[in-house]
Amino acid sequence: MEQWQIQFKNLYLKKHAKHIFTHIEWNMIVYEVEVKNKNKIWTWVTEKQMEKEYPLPTAFKKLLAKEK
């Protein structure tokens, strides 16, 4: 992950999921990542901030809701 200036502490495969639209199928993989450092390239937010301040596609919202 050198290109993003990040060092991972832990990387966990959480699940595979499929979301089917009328015209396309998404095969999604969910990972949980712990990092050693936060880069300045990305915007780092809490789970609460993500839920309230950042719009996500419905497929992602459903996927993340199942993780709780």
Protein backbone atom coordinates (compact mmCIF):
# COMPACT_ATOMS: atom_id res chain seq x y z
CA MET A 1 0.00 0.00 0.00
CA GLU A 2 2.99 2.23 -0.51
CA GLN A 3 1.17 4.09 -3.26
CA TRP A 4 -1.33 5.34 -0.65
CA GLN A 5 1.31 5.93 2.02
CA ILE A 6 -0.36 3.49 4.41
CA GLN A 7 0.92 0.62 6.50
CA PHE A 8 -1.64 -1.99 7.47
CA LYS A 9 -1.66 -3.37 10.98
CA ASN A 10 -4.32 -6.02 10.30
CA LEU A 11 -6.51 -6.93 7.35
CA TYR A 12 -9.59 -9.12 7.85
CA LEU A 13 -11.85 -10.59 5.20
CA LYS A 14 -15.35 -10.04 6.59
CA LYS A 15 -17.72 -11.32 3.87
CA HIS A 16 -18.66 -11.69 0.24
CA ALA A 17 -21.98 -10.31 -0.95
CA LYS A 18 -23.91 -9.89 -4.17
CA HIS A 19 -26.23 -7.05 -5.13
CA ILE A 20 -28.27 -7.43 -8.31
CA PHE A 21 -29.64 -4.45 -10.19
CA THR A 22 -31.94 -4.82 -13.18
CA HIS A 23 -28.97 -4.42 -15.52
CA ILE A 24 -25.83 -5.30 -13.57
CA GLU A 25 -24.57 -7.56 -10.79
CA TRP A 26 -22.10 -6.37 -8.14
CA ASN A 27 -19.95 -8.96 -6.42
CA MET A 28 -18.62 -7.23 -3.33
CA ILE A 29 -15.96 -8.15 -0.80
CA VAL A 30 -15.89 -6.50 2.62
CA TYR A 31 -12.65 -6.08 4.50
CA GLU A 32 -11.95 -4.61 7.90
CA VAL A 33 -8.61 -2.84 8.00
CA GLU A 34 -6.54 -1.59 10.92
CA VAL A 35 -3.82 0.84 9.92
CA LYS A 36 -0.60 1.85 11.62
CA ASN A 37 -0.78 5.36 10.22
CA LYS A 38 -3.33 7.65 8.57
CA ASN A 39 -2.21 9.22 5.33
CA LYS A 40 -3.01 12.75 4.21
CA ILE A 41 -4.41 11.56 0.88
CA TRP A 42 -7.70 10.16 2.22
CA THR A 43 -10.41 11.64 4.40
CA TRP A 44 -10.56 9.67 7.65
CA VAL A 45 -13.96 9.57 9.34
CA THR A 46 -15.65 7.71 12.15
CA GLU A 47 -18.42 5.22 11.47
CA LYS A 48 -20.92 7.75 12.84
CA GLN A 49 -19.63 10.50 10.52
CA MET A 50 -19.82 8.15 7.56
CA GLU A 51 -23.45 7.29 8.32
CA LYS A 52 -24.53 10.93 8.78
CA GLU A 53 -22.34 12.98 6.46
CA TYR A 54 -21.44 10.83 3.46
CA PRO A 55 -23.96 9.47 0.95
CA LEU A 56 -23.48 5.82 0.08
CA PRO A 57 -25.26 3.66 -2.49
CA THR A 58 -28.10 1.64 -0.97
CA ALA A 59 -26.25 -1.61 -1.68
CA PHE A 60 -23.34 -0.42 0.49
CA LYS A 61 -25.64 0.77 3.28
CA LYS A 62 -27.33 -2.64 3.42
CA LEU A 63 -24.00 -4.40 3.40
CA LEU A 64 -22.59 -2.29 6.22
CA ALA A 65 -25.79 -2.55 8.28
CA LYS A 66 -25.41 -6.35 8.35
CA GLU A 67 -21.98 -5.95 9.96
CA LYS A 68 -23.35 -4.35 13.13
